[in-house]
Amino acid sequence: MSRTGIVLPDLAFGLPPASDVRTLPSWEDGALRIGVTVIDRAAQNKSFSRQQIYEDALVSLLVKLSRDYGAHIYFFSQCYGPTRDQDDRHSARRVYERVRQRTARVTLLDPFRDALEIKAAYKHMDCVIGSRTHTGVFVLSNTVPVVLIGYQPKALGVMEMFDLERYCCNIETVTEDELNRTVREVLDNKEEIRKHIAQRYTQIQERLQDWVGYLQD
């Protein structure tokens, strides 16, 4: 007997709404706020040879955004392990230090105590450039525009769920020009994108209710 696959939203979309669990430091009033998550894909996958290209593209882009938009850049360390290759603090600090040499408008935020706390922090961003799929999930749950640099098919799947797949770049092929073009398009249309995300998120919340039925069956 054949079976048809069923695609349902990630359960993390069902987390409670973000609230300010604590006051985070260095919110710069009036400045455009851009959040960033960085991964060490080379440590996770020995065949990945583009770590330096990926980090160089991020550094160049973030410095330009600080200059051209007056943006303040916030680095988030979303994952801390359990193994070193899954600990984002090392790669986040590495890229942060390079950006900090060229602009003072940059802040490193870590650690976070749990998913709800980092989700609450993402709520303060105007846009997030994320390299983890759940960065996208948490950010979109706050109806904040996101550009995902995906390393697994799930990242593209999350963005397709919101009809925003054009804002998902592949870490295996991403270039500085592609990233620069994509992020600027999002920033220049962020209010329209935010409204679109809010509409789609309402529909996704309704689909999450299907999980209950499947679990009961």
Protein backbone atom coordinates (compact mmCIF):
# COMPACT_ATOMS: atom_id res chain seq x y z
CA MET A 1 0.00 0.00 0.00
CA SER A 2 1.42 3.37 -0.99
CA ARG A 3 1.65 6.21 1.49
CA THR A 4 1.60 9.93 0.79
CA GLY A 5 4.00 12.10 2.73
CA ILE A 6 2.54 14.81 4.92
CA VAL A 7 4.42 18.09 5.36
CA LEU A 8 3.66 20.02 8.51
CA PRO A 9 5.30 23.11 10.05
CA ASP A 10 8.22 22.74 12.44
CA LEU A 11 6.92 22.37 16.00
CA ALA A 12 9.09 25.34 17.04
CA PHE A 13 6.50 27.52 15.30
CA GLY A 14 4.25 26.54 18.17
CA LEU A 15 6.41 28.11 20.89
CA PRO A 16 4.68 30.79 22.98
CA PRO A 17 4.87 34.36 21.70
CA ALA A 18 8.14 36.11 22.48
CA SER A 19 8.19 38.31 25.54
CA ASP A 20 11.02 40.33 27.01
CA VAL A 21 12.39 37.76 29.46
CA ARG A 22 15.18 40.15 30.36
CA THR A 23 16.50 43.48 29.14
CA LEU A 24 19.28 42.86 26.68
CA PRO A 25 22.15 45.35 26.53
CA SER A 26 23.14 47.75 23.80
CA TRP A 27 19.88 48.29 21.94
CA GLU A 28 20.75 51.38 19.96
CA ASP A 29 17.69 53.64 19.78
CA GLY A 30 16.72 54.71 16.29
CA ALA A 31 19.29 52.61 14.43
CA LEU A 32 18.41 49.88 11.98
CA ARG A 33 18.99 46.60 13.84
CA ILE A 34 20.37 43.64 11.92
CA GLY A 35 20.82 40.30 13.65
CA VAL A 36 23.27 37.63 12.49
CA THR A 37 23.88 33.96 13.28
CA VAL A 38 27.07 32.27 12.07
CA ILE A 39 27.94 28.56 11.90
CA ASP A 40 31.19 26.68 11.44
CA ARG A 41 30.04 24.50 8.57
CA ALA A 42 33.59 23.32 7.89
CA ALA A 43 33.77 21.83 11.40
CA GLN A 44 30.41 20.12 10.88
CA ASN A 45 31.19 18.82 7.40
CA LYS A 46 34.82 18.13 6.46
CA SER A 47 33.98 18.26 2.75
CA PHE A 48 32.84 21.88 3.01
CA SER A 49 35.68 24.04 1.69
CA ARG A 50 33.95 27.43 1.54
CA GLN A 51 34.01 28.49 5.20
CA GLN A 52 36.39 31.37 4.52
CA ILE A 53 34.38 32.53 1.50
CA TYR A 54 31.18 32.43 3.58
CA GLU A 55 32.71 34.37 6.46
CA ASP A 56 34.38 36.90 4.14
CA ALA A 57 31.04 37.55 2.44
CA LEU A 58 29.37 38.16 5.80
CA VAL A 59 32.08 40.52 7.00
CA SER A 60 32.04 42.57 3.81
CA LEU A 61 28.25 42.76 3.75
CA LEU A 62 27.85 43.73 7.40
CA VAL A 63 30.43 46.51 7.18
CA LYS A 64 28.65 47.90 4.12
CA LEU A 65 25.24 47.74 5.83
CA SER A 66 26.63 49.60 8.83
CA ARG A 67 28.01 52.25 6.50
CA ASP A 68 25.15 52.55 3.99
CA TYR A 69 22.14 52.09 6.30
CA GLY A 70 23.59 53.26 9.62
CA ALA A 71 22.78 49.76 10.87
CA HIS A 72 23.85 48.32 14.20
CA ILE A 73 24.87 44.67 13.85
CA TYR A 74 23.97 42.14 16.56
CA PHE A 75 25.67 38.74 16.58
CA PHE A 76 23.64 35.96 18.21
CA SER A 77 25.17 32.69 19.42
CA GLN A 78 22.15 30.44 19.04
CA CYS A 79 23.67 26.99 19.70
CA TYR A 80 26.28 25.99 22.30
CA GLY A 81 26.83 22.33 21.52
CA PRO A 82 26.80 19.61 22.67
CA THR A 83 29.93 19.24 20.53
CA ARG A 84 32.34 22.00 19.54
CA ASP A 85 31.33 21.88 15.87
CA GLN A 86 27.77 22.78 16.96
CA ASP A 87 28.92 25.60 19.27
CA ASP A 88 28.23 28.84 17.40
CA ARG A 89 30.12 31.02 19.88
CA HIS A 90 33.47 30.39 18.19
CA SER A 91 32.40 31.30 14.65
CA ALA A 92 30.22 34.19 15.85
CA ARG A 93 33.08 35.73 17.80
CA ARG A 94 35.50 35.21 14.92
CA VAL A 95 33.30 37.13 12.47
CA TYR A 96 32.30 39.69 15.13
CA GLU A 97 35.95 40.56 15.81
CA ARG A 98 36.59 41.12 12.12
CA VAL A 99 33.55 43.39 11.77
CA ARG A 100 34.44 45.24 14.98
CA GLN A 101 37.79 46.24 13.46
CA ARG A 102 35.90 48.22 10.81
CA THR A 103 32.85 49.59 12.63
CA ALA A 104 31.91 50.33 16.21
CA ARG A 105 28.25 49.63 15.51
CA VAL A 106 28.39 45.97 16.44
CA THR A 107 27.42 43.90 19.50
CA LEU A 108 27.97 40.26 20.45
CA LEU A 109 25.09 38.73 22.42
CA ASP A 110 25.62 35.49 24.37
CA PRO A 111 24.74 33.38 26.16
CA PHE A 112 20.99 32.86 26.04
CA ARG A 113 19.35 30.63 28.58
CA ASP A 114 16.77 28.99 26.31
CA ALA A 115 14.89 29.21 23.02
CA LEU A 116 12.29 31.59 24.41
CA GLU A 117 14.94 34.08 25.44
CA ILE A 118 16.68 34.19 22.08
CA LYS A 119 13.32 34.33 20.33
CA ALA A 120 12.47 37.36 22.45
CA ALA A 121 15.74 39.02 21.43
CA TYR A 122 15.12 38.41 17.73
CA LYS A 123 11.85 40.32 18.10
CA HIS A 124 13.87 43.55 18.42
CA MET A 125 15.56 43.14 15.04
CA ASP A 126 14.52 44.84 11.80
CA CYS A 127 16.06 42.00 9.78
CA VAL A 128 18.09 38.89 10.54
CA ILE A 129 20.71 37.14 8.40
CA GLY A 130 20.61 33.59 9.71
CA SER A 131 22.69 30.49 9.12
CA ARG A 132 20.57 28.12 11.19
CA THR A 133 17.14 26.93 10.16
CA HIS A 134 15.71 27.61 13.61
CA THR A 135 16.98 31.16 13.39
CA GLY A 136 14.49 31.46 10.55
CA VAL A 137 11.74 29.76 12.55
CA PHE A 138 12.20 32.02 15.58
CA VAL A 139 12.56 35.19 13.51
CA LEU A 140 9.57 34.50 11.26
CA SER A 141 7.52 33.70 14.36
CA ASN A 142 8.13 37.32 15.35
CA THR A 143 7.08 38.50 11.85
CA VAL A 144 10.60 39.84 11.31
CA PRO A 145 12.15 39.58 7.79
CA VAL A 146 14.97 37.07 7.47
CA VAL A 147 17.56 36.03 4.90
CA LEU A 148 18.56 32.40 5.45
CA ILE A 149 21.90 30.95 4.41
CA GLY A 150 20.83 27.33 4.31
CA TYR A 151 23.02 24.25 4.65
CA GLN A 152 20.16 21.72 4.68
CA PRO A 153 16.99 21.41 2.53
CA LYS A 154 14.88 22.27 5.57
CA ALA A 155 16.00 25.91 5.43
CA LEU A 156 14.56 26.29 1.94
CA GLY A 157 11.45 24.40 3.05
CA VAL A 158 10.83 26.87 5.87
CA MET A 159 11.16 29.81 3.50
CA GLU A 160 8.92 28.15 0.89
CA MET A 161 6.27 27.78 3.56
CA PHE A 162 6.19 31.59 3.72
CA ASP A 163 6.57 32.06 -0.06
CA LEU A 164 9.93 33.71 0.66
CA GLU A 165 12.25 31.17 -0.97
CA ARG A 166 13.92 33.93 -2.99
CA TYR A 167 15.47 35.07 0.28
CA CYS A 168 17.17 31.73 0.97
CA CYS A 169 20.80 31.39 -0.15
CA ASN A 170 22.70 28.11 -0.35
CA ILE A 171 25.86 28.09 1.79
CA GLU A 172 27.46 25.80 -0.81
CA THR A 173 27.24 28.46 -3.53
CA VAL A 174 26.53 31.80 -1.85
CA THR A 175 28.64 34.76 -2.96
CA GLU A 176 29.12 38.21 -1.54
CA ASP A 177 27.22 39.73 -4.48
CA GLU A 178 24.25 37.39 -4.04
CA LEU A 179 24.08 37.99 -0.31
CA ASN A 180 24.44 41.75 -0.72
CA ARG A 181 21.69 41.88 -3.36
CA THR A 182 19.32 39.68 -1.37
CA VAL A 183 19.71 41.46 1.97
CA ARG A 184 19.33 44.91 0.42
CA GLU A 185 16.13 43.84 -1.32
CA VAL A 186 14.74 42.68 2.01
CA LEU A 187 15.76 45.86 3.81
CA ASP A 188 14.28 48.08 1.10
CA ASN A 189 10.95 46.21 1.31
CA LYS A 190 10.96 45.18 4.96
CA GLU A 191 7.54 46.61 5.90
CA GLU A 192 5.74 44.86 3.04
CA ILE A 193 7.60 41.63 3.84
CA ARG A 194 6.70 41.93 7.51
CA LYS A 195 2.99 42.18 6.63
CA HIS A 196 3.27 39.18 4.33
CA ILE A 197 4.97 37.13 7.06
CA ALA A 198 2.23 38.01 9.55
CA GLN A 199 -0.45 36.80 7.16
CA ARG A 200 1.32 33.53 6.38
CA TYR A 201 2.18 32.92 10.04
CA THR A 202 -1.51 33.01 10.95
CA GLN A 203 -2.15 30.28 8.39
CA ILE A 204 0.79 28.23 9.65
CA GLN A 205 -0.48 28.43 13.22
CA GLU A 206 -3.74 26.95 12.01
CA ARG A 207 -1.89 24.12 10.25
CA LEU A 208 -0.02 23.33 13.47
CA GLN A 209 -3.30 22.14 14.91
CA ASP A 210 -3.08 19.21 12.48
CA TRP A 211 -0.20 17.84 14.56
CA VAL A 212 -2.63 17.07 17.37
CA GLY A 213 -4.83 14.98 15.12
CA TYR A 214 -1.92 12.96 13.71
CA LEU A 215 -0.47 12.33 17.15
CA GLN A 216 -3.85 11.14 18.41
CA ASP A 217 -4.26 8.81 15.43
